[in-house]
Amino acid sequence: MPGKVPRLTGEKAVDTFCKAGYVWHHTTGSHRILKHPDKSARLSIPVHAGCTVGVGLLRKQIRLSGLTVDEFIALL
């Protein structure tokens, strides 16, 4: 059974995706846009002070990144 999606702030989620090779590309409003040099996926992570990212949104971003939930948790 796959791991449970963790409850993270947007800042922590961005840091974790950066460990997976994604880099900050730009910011649009309160969303950080991340790109990977070798992949076509573009991730959009909302960053609001002290607020957690929704579980469904984070699961979708993990899937778009090509990682599994367990691989993402290992990068935390």
PDB file of N, CA and C in Angstrom:
ATOM      1  N   MET A   1       0.845  -1.183   0.000  1.00  0.00           N
ATOM      2  CA  MET A   1       0.000   0.000   0.000  1.00  0.00           C
ATOM      3  C   MET A   1       0.885   1.240   0.000  1.00  0.00           C
ATOM      4  N   PRO A   2       0.591   2.213  -0.875  1.00  0.00           N
ATOM      5  CA  PRO A   2       1.432   3.408  -0.926  1.00  0.00           C
ATOM      6  C   PRO A   2       1.353   4.206   0.356  1.00  0.00           C
ATOM      7  N   GLY A   3       2.402   5.002   0.583  1.00  0.00           N
ATOM      8  CA  GLY A   3       2.447   5.810   1.787  1.00  0.00           C
ATOM      9  C   GLY A   3       1.379   6.894   1.794  1.00  0.00           C
ATOM     10  N   LYS A   4       1.082   7.375   2.971  1.00  0.00           N
ATOM     11  CA  LYS A   4       0.095   8.427   3.146  1.00  0.00           C
ATOM     12  C   LYS A   4       0.758   9.773   2.828  1.00  0.00           C
ATOM     13  N   VAL A   5       0.066  10.618   2.091  1.00  0.00           N
ATOM     14  CA  VAL A   5       0.606  11.931   1.722  1.00  0.00           C
ATOM     15  C   VAL A   5       0.763  12.768   2.991  1.00  0.00           C
ATOM     16  N   PRO A   6       1.953  13.313   3.222  1.00  0.00           N
ATOM     17  CA  PRO A   6       2.176  14.094   4.443  1.00  0.00           C
ATOM     18  C   PRO A   6       1.514  15.466   4.362  1.00  0.00           C
ATOM     19  N   ARG A   7       1.246  16.043   5.503  1.00  0.00           N
ATOM     20  CA  ARG A   7       0.723  17.414   5.581  1.00  0.00           C
ATOM     21  C   ARG A   7       1.916  18.345   5.693  1.00  0.00           C
ATOM     22  N   LEU A   8       2.147  19.165   4.658  1.00  0.00           N
ATOM     23  CA  LEU A   8       3.306  20.047   4.611  1.00  0.00           C
ATOM     24  C   LEU A   8       2.889  21.470   4.275  1.00  0.00           C
ATOM     25  N   THR A   9       3.701  22.415   4.710  1.00  0.00           N
ATOM     26  CA  THR A   9       3.514  23.783   4.239  1.00  0.00           C
ATOM     27  C   THR A   9       4.020  23.861   2.801  1.00  0.00           C
ATOM     28  N   GLY A  10       3.629  24.884   2.103  1.00  0.00           N
ATOM     29  CA  GLY A  10       4.088  25.058   0.730  1.00  0.00           C
ATOM     30  C   GLY A  10       5.597  25.193   0.657  1.00  0.00           C
ATOM     31  N   GLU A  11       6.182  25.889   1.611  1.00  0.00           N
ATOM     32  CA  GLU A  11       7.637  26.091   1.628  1.00  0.00           C
ATOM     33  C   GLU A  11       8.375  24.760   1.766  1.00  0.00           C
ATOM     34  N   LYS A  12       7.879  23.892   2.651  1.00  0.00           N
ATOM     35  CA  LYS A  12       8.511  22.580   2.847  1.00  0.00           C
ATOM     36  C   LYS A  12       8.344  21.708   1.599  1.00  0.00           C
ATOM     37  N   ALA A  13       7.192  21.795   0.954  1.00  0.00           N
ATOM     38  CA  ALA A  13       6.971  21.033  -0.279  1.00  0.00           C
ATOM     39  C   ALA A  13       7.933  21.491  -1.373  1.00  0.00           C
ATOM     40  N   VAL A  14       8.111  22.806  -1.504  1.00  0.00           N
ATOM     41  CA  VAL A  14       9.060  23.342  -2.498  1.00  0.00           C
ATOM     42  C   VAL A  14      10.466  22.841  -2.199  1.00  0.00           C
ATOM     43  N   ASP A  15      10.887  22.902  -0.942  1.00  0.00           N
ATOM     44  CA  ASP A  15      12.219  22.419  -0.562  1.00  0.00           C
ATOM     45  C   ASP A  15      12.402  20.947  -0.910  1.00  0.00           C
ATOM     46  N   THR A  16      11.370  20.146  -0.693  1.00  0.00           N
ATOM     47  CA  THR A  16      11.452  18.710  -0.972  1.00  0.00           C
ATOM     48  C   THR A  16      11.553  18.453  -2.473  1.00  0.00           C
ATOM     49  N   PHE A  17      10.762  19.152  -3.273  1.00  0.00           N
ATOM     50  CA  PHE A  17      10.859  18.985  -4.725  1.00  0.00           C
ATOM     51  C   PHE A  17      12.227  19.454  -5.240  1.00  0.00           C
ATOM     52  N   CYS A  18      12.799  20.459  -4.605  1.00  0.00           N
ATOM     53  CA  CYS A  18      14.142  20.918  -5.001  1.00  0.00           C
ATOM     54  C   CYS A  18      15.186  19.836  -4.733  1.00  0.00           C
ATOM     55  N   LYS A  19      15.004  19.059  -3.676  1.00  0.00           N
ATOM     56  CA  LYS A  19      15.907  17.941  -3.401  1.00  0.00           C
ATOM     57  C   LYS A  19      15.810  16.876  -4.493  1.00  0.00           C
ATOM     58  N   ALA A  20      14.654  16.815  -5.173  1.00  0.00           N
ATOM     59  CA  ALA A  20      14.438  15.842  -6.250  1.00  0.00           C
ATOM     60  C   ALA A  20      14.946  16.357  -7.593  1.00  0.00           C
ATOM     61  N   GLY A  21      15.550  17.548  -7.604  1.00  0.00           N
ATOM     62  CA  GLY A  21      16.136  18.071  -8.834  1.00  0.00           C
ATOM     63  C   GLY A  21      15.361  19.196  -9.477  1.00  0.00           C
ATOM     64  N   TYR A  22      14.219  19.570  -8.926  1.00  0.00           N
ATOM     65  CA  TYR A  22      13.448  20.688  -9.476  1.00  0.00           C
ATOM     66  C   TYR A  22      14.083  21.997  -9.029  1.00  0.00           C
ATOM     67  N   VAL A  23      13.944  23.026  -9.852  1.00  0.00           N
ATOM     68  CA  VAL A  23      14.489  24.344  -9.522  1.00  0.00           C
ATOM     69  C   VAL A  23      13.377  25.376  -9.627  1.00  0.00           C
ATOM     70  N   TRP A  24      13.486  26.412  -8.798  1.00  0.00           N
ATOM     71  CA  TRP A  24      12.525  27.501  -8.819  1.00  0.00           C
ATOM     72  C   TRP A  24      12.668  28.227 -10.145  1.00  0.00           C
ATOM     73  N   HIS A  25      11.573  28.395 -10.860  1.00  0.00           N
ATOM     74  CA  HIS A  25      11.594  29.073 -12.153  1.00  0.00           C
ATOM     75  C   HIS A  25      11.085  30.504 -12.005  1.00  0.00           C
ATOM     76  N   HIS A  26       9.907  30.664 -11.421  1.00  0.00           N
ATOM     77  CA  HIS A  26       9.365  31.989 -11.157  1.00  0.00           C
ATOM     78  C   HIS A  26       8.212  31.879 -10.163  1.00  0.00           C
ATOM     79  N   THR A  27       7.716  33.026  -9.751  1.00  0.00           N
ATOM     80  CA  THR A  27       6.581  33.078  -8.839  1.00  0.00           C
ATOM     81  C   THR A  27       5.444  33.811  -9.534  1.00  0.00           C
ATOM     82  N   THR A  28       4.263  33.245  -9.465  1.00  0.00           N
ATOM     83  CA  THR A  28       3.062  33.885  -9.992  1.00  0.00           C
ATOM     84  C   THR A  28       2.092  34.033  -8.836  1.00  0.00           C
ATOM     85  N   GLY A  29       1.903  35.238  -8.382  1.00  0.00           N
ATOM     86  CA  GLY A  29       1.055  35.466  -7.213  1.00  0.00           C
ATOM     87  C   GLY A  29       1.682  34.812  -5.999  1.00  0.00           C
ATOM     88  N   SER A  30       0.974  33.862  -5.397  1.00  0.00           N
ATOM     89  CA  SER A  30       1.504  33.161  -4.225  1.00  0.00           C
ATOM     90  C   SER A  30       1.961  31.750  -4.586  1.00  0.00           C
ATOM     91  N   HIS A  31       2.069  31.439  -5.873  1.00  0.00           N
ATOM     92  CA  HIS A  31       2.467  30.103  -6.312  1.00  0.00           C
ATOM     93  C   HIS A  31       3.899  30.097  -6.826  1.00  0.00           C
ATOM     94  N   ARG A  32       4.678  29.143  -6.329  1.00  0.00           N
ATOM     95  CA  ARG A  32       6.038  28.962  -6.827  1.00  0.00           C
ATOM     96  C   ARG A  32       5.988  27.964  -7.972  1.00  0.00           C
ATOM     97  N   ILE A  33       6.565  28.325  -9.081  1.00  0.00           N
ATOM     98  CA  ILE A  33       6.593  27.469 -10.255  1.00  0.00           C
ATOM     99  C   ILE A  33       7.962  26.809 -10.312  1.00  0.00           C
ATOM    100  N   LEU A  34       7.979  25.472 -10.328  1.00  0.00           N
ATOM    101  CA  LEU A  34       9.213  24.705 -10.339  1.00  0.00           C
ATOM    102  C   LEU A  34       9.322  23.944 -11.651  1.00  0.00           C
ATOM    103  N   LYS A  35      10.535  23.864 -12.171  1.00  0.00           N
ATOM    104  CA  LYS A  35      10.780  23.089 -13.394  1.00  0.00           C
ATOM    105  C   LYS A  35      11.981  22.184 -13.146  1.00  0.00           C
ATOM    106  N   HIS A  36      12.008  21.089 -13.879  1.00  0.00           N
ATOM    107  CA  HIS A  36      13.124  20.148 -13.825  1.00  0.00           C
ATOM    108  C   HIS A  36      13.882  20.266 -15.137  1.00  0.00           C
ATOM    109  N   PRO A  37      15.212  20.293 -15.094  1.00  0.00           N
ATOM    110  CA  PRO A  37      15.972  20.463 -16.332  1.00  0.00           C
ATOM    111  C   PRO A  37      15.781  19.338 -17.343  1.00  0.00           C
ATOM    112  N   ASP A  38      15.433  18.138 -16.890  1.00  0.00           N
ATOM    113  CA  ASP A  38      15.324  16.991 -17.798  1.00  0.00           C
ATOM    114  C   ASP A  38      13.892  16.518 -18.039  1.00  0.00           C
ATOM    115  N   LYS A  39      12.919  17.094 -17.356  1.00  0.00           N
ATOM    116  CA  LYS A  39      11.532  16.648 -17.478  1.00  0.00           C
ATOM    117  C   LYS A  39      10.672  17.808 -17.976  1.00  0.00           C
ATOM    118  N   SER A  40       9.560  17.470 -18.605  1.00  0.00           N
ATOM    119  CA  SER A  40       8.684  18.514 -19.130  1.00  0.00           C
ATOM    120  C   SER A  40       7.667  19.008 -18.103  1.00  0.00           C
ATOM    121  N   ALA A  41       7.557  18.321 -16.977  1.00  0.00           N
ATOM    122  CA  ALA A  41       6.555  18.690 -15.971  1.00  0.00           C
ATOM    123  C   ALA A  41       6.889  20.038 -15.342  1.00  0.00           C
ATOM    124  N   ARG A  42       5.837  20.818 -15.107  1.00  0.00           N
ATOM    125  CA  ARG A  42       5.961  22.094 -14.413  1.00  0.00           C
ATOM    126  C   ARG A  42       5.077  21.997 -13.183  1.00  0.00           C
ATOM    127  N   LEU A  43       5.639  22.234 -12.023  1.00  0.00           N
ATOM    128  CA  LEU A  43       4.890  22.130 -10.773  1.00  0.00           C
ATOM    129  C   LEU A  43       4.525  23.517 -10.275  1.00  0.00           C
ATOM    130  N   SER A  44       3.319  23.660  -9.753  1.00  0.00           N
ATOM    131  CA  SER A  44       2.848  24.920  -9.190  1.00  0.00           C
ATOM    132  C   SER A  44       2.436  24.662  -7.746  1.00  0.00           C
ATOM    133  N   ILE A  45       3.209  25.201  -6.816  1.00  0.00           N
ATOM    134  CA  ILE A  45       2.979  24.959  -5.392  1.00  0.00           C
ATOM    135  C   ILE A  45       2.543  26.259  -4.718  1.00  0.00           C
ATOM    136  N   PRO A  46       1.351  26.280  -4.081  1.00  0.00           N
ATOM    137  CA  PRO A  46       0.938  27.486  -3.365  1.00  0.00           C
ATOM    138  C   PRO A  46       1.722  27.641  -2.069  1.00  0.00           C
ATOM    139  N   VAL A  47       2.228  28.836  -1.827  1.00  0.00           N
ATOM    140  CA  VAL A  47       2.997  29.097  -0.612  1.00  0.00           C
ATOM    141  C   VAL A  47       2.306  30.230   0.146  1.00  0.00           C
ATOM    142  N   HIS A  48       1.623  29.861   1.220  1.00  0.00           N
ATOM    143  CA  HIS A  48       0.949  30.813   2.093  1.00  0.00           C
ATOM    144  C   HIS A  48       1.510  30.599   3.488  1.00  0.00           C
ATOM    145  N   ALA A  49       1.902  31.661   4.149  1.00  0.00           N
ATOM    146  CA  ALA A  49       2.545  31.584   5.459  1.00  0.00           C
ATOM    147  C   ALA A  49       1.718  30.765   6.448  1.00  0.00           C
ATOM    148  N   GLY A  50       2.311  29.676   6.931  1.00  0.00           N
ATOM    149  CA  GLY A  50       1.701  28.866   7.969  1.00  0.00           C
ATOM    150  C   GLY A  50       0.589  27.932   7.513  1.00  0.00           C
ATOM    151  N   CYS A  51       0.237  27.937   6.241  1.00  0.00           N
ATOM    152  CA  CYS A  51      -0.848  27.080   5.752  1.00  0.00           C
ATOM    153  C   CYS A  51      -0.280  25.834   5.083  1.00  0.00           C
ATOM    154  N   THR A  52      -0.986  24.731   5.231  1.00  0.00           N
ATOM    155  CA  THR A  52      -0.546  23.496   4.603  1.00  0.00           C
ATOM    156  C   THR A  52      -1.156  23.371   3.212  1.00  0.00           C
ATOM    157  N   VAL A  53      -0.470  22.631   2.369  1.00  0.00           N
ATOM    158  CA  VAL A  53      -0.950  22.356   1.022  1.00  0.00           C
ATOM    159  C   VAL A  53      -1.987  21.245   1.117  1.00  0.00           C
ATOM    160  N   GLY A  54      -3.049  21.357   0.361  1.00  0.00           N
ATOM    161  CA  GLY A  54      -4.083  20.332   0.370  1.00  0.00           C
ATOM    162  C   GLY A  54      -3.517  18.979  -0.044  1.00  0.00           C
ATOM    163  N   VAL A  55      -4.033  17.928   0.551  1.00  0.00           N
ATOM    164  CA  VAL A  55      -3.529  16.576   0.301  1.00  0.00           C
ATOM    165  C   VAL A  55      -3.711  16.182  -1.166  1.00  0.00           C
ATOM    166  N   GLY A  56      -4.873  16.479  -1.743  1.00  0.00           N
ATOM    167  CA  GLY A  56      -5.121  16.134  -3.141  1.00  0.00           C
ATOM    168  C   GLY A  56      -4.190  16.871  -4.086  1.00  0.00           C
ATOM    169  N   LEU A  57      -3.980  18.159  -3.824  1.00  0.00           N
ATOM    170  CA  LEU A  57      -3.076  18.954  -4.656  1.00  0.00           C
ATOM    171  C   LEU A  57      -1.649  18.438  -4.557  1.00  0.00           C
ATOM    172  N   LEU A  58      -1.205  18.140  -3.345  1.00  0.00           N
ATOM    173  CA  LEU A  58       0.158  17.643  -3.171  1.00  0.00           C
ATOM    174  C   LEU A  58       0.330  16.280  -3.840  1.00  0.00           C
ATOM    175  N   ARG A  59      -0.672  15.418  -3.726  1.00  0.00           N
ATOM    176  CA  ARG A  59      -0.606  14.106  -4.377  1.00  0.00           C
ATOM    177  C   ARG A  59      -0.481  14.272  -5.900  1.00  0.00           C
ATOM    178  N   LYS A  60      -1.241  15.213  -6.466  1.00  0.00           N
ATOM    179  CA  LYS A  60      -1.179  15.448  -7.908  1.00  0.00           C
ATOM    180  C   LYS A  60       0.200  15.965  -8.317  1.00  0.00           C
ATOM    181  N   GLN A  61       0.769  16.878  -7.533  1.00  0.00           N
ATOM    182  CA  GLN A  61       2.088  17.426  -7.859  1.00  0.00           C
ATOM    183  C   GLN A  61       3.170  16.343  -7.750  1.00  0.00           C
ATOM    184  N   ILE A  62       3.039  15.460  -6.777  1.00  0.00           N
ATOM    185  CA  ILE A  62       3.980  14.346  -6.644  1.00  0.00           C
ATOM    186  C   ILE A  62       3.892  13.443  -7.868  1.00  0.00           C
ATOM    187  N   ARG A  63       2.671  13.149  -8.295  1.00  0.00           N
ATOM    188  CA  ARG A  63       2.470  12.303  -9.483  1.00  0.00           C
ATOM    189  C   ARG A  63       3.049  12.975 -10.732  1.00  0.00           C
ATOM    190  N   LEU A  64       2.809  14.280 -10.897  1.00  0.00           N
ATOM    191  CA  LEU A  64       3.350  15.012 -12.044  1.00  0.00           C
ATOM    192  C   LEU A  64       4.877  15.024 -12.057  1.00  0.00           C
ATOM    193  N   SER A  65       5.469  15.019 -10.874  1.00  0.00           N
ATOM    194  CA  SER A  65       6.928  15.070 -10.780  1.00  0.00           C
ATOM    195  C   SER A  65       7.589  13.748 -11.159  1.00  0.00           C
ATOM    196  N   GLY A  66       6.800  12.688 -11.236  1.00  0.00           N
ATOM    197  CA  GLY A  66       7.358  11.381 -11.570  1.00  0.00           C
ATOM    198  C   GLY A  66       7.816  10.596 -10.353  1.00  0.00           C
ATOM    199  N   LEU A  67       7.557  11.123  -9.175  1.00  0.00           N
ATOM    200  CA  LEU A  67       7.925  10.434  -7.934  1.00  0.00           C
ATOM    201  C   LEU A  67       6.720   9.653  -7.414  1.00  0.00           C
ATOM    202  N   THR A  68       6.996   8.688  -6.556  1.00  0.00           N
ATOM    203  CA  THR A  68       5.930   8.042  -5.812  1.00  0.00           C
ATOM    204  C   THR A  68       5.826   8.767  -4.467  1.00  0.00           C
ATOM    205  N   VAL A  69       4.746   8.545  -3.771  1.00  0.00           N
ATOM    206  CA  VAL A  69       4.586   9.170  -2.450  1.00  0.00           C
ATOM    207  C   VAL A  69       5.702   8.723  -1.511  1.00  0.00           C
ATOM    208  N   ASP A  70       6.061   7.441  -1.581  1.00  0.00           N
ATOM    209  CA  ASP A  70       7.130   6.927  -0.711  1.00  0.00           C
ATOM    210  C   ASP A  70       8.472   7.574  -1.037  1.00  0.00           C
ATOM    211  N   GLU A  71       8.772   7.790  -2.322  1.00  0.00           N
ATOM    212  CA  GLU A  71      10.026   8.456  -2.719  1.00  0.00           C
ATOM    213  C   GLU A  71      10.028   9.903  -2.231  1.00  0.00           C
ATOM    214  N   PHE A  72       8.871  10.553  -2.326  1.00  0.00           N
ATOM    215  CA  PHE A  72       8.755  11.937  -1.862  1.00  0.00           C
ATOM    216  C   PHE A  72       8.984  12.012  -0.344  1.00  0.00           C
ATOM    217  N   ILE A  73       8.382  11.089   0.387  1.00  0.00           N
ATOM    218  CA  ILE A  73       8.544  11.070   1.853  1.00  0.00           C
ATOM    219  C   ILE A  73       9.998  10.829   2.223  1.00  0.00           C
ATOM    220  N   ALA A  74      10.698   9.987   1.462  1.00  0.00           N
ATOM    221  CA  ALA A  74      12.105   9.704   1.748  1.00  0.00           C
ATOM    222  C   ALA A  74      12.979  10.956   1.593  1.00  0.00           C
ATOM    223  N   LEU A  75      12.550  11.905   0.765  1.00  0.00           N
ATOM    224  CA  LEU A  75      13.324  13.129   0.547  1.00  0.00           C
ATOM    225  C   LEU A  75      13.110  14.164   1.651  1.00  0.00           C
ATOM    226  N   LEU A  76      12.080  13.983   2.471  1.00  0.00           N
ATOM    227  CA  LEU A  76      11.790  14.952   3.528  1.00  0.00           C
ATOM    228  C   LEU A  76      12.919  15.113   4.509  1.00  0.00           C
TER     229      LEU A  76
END
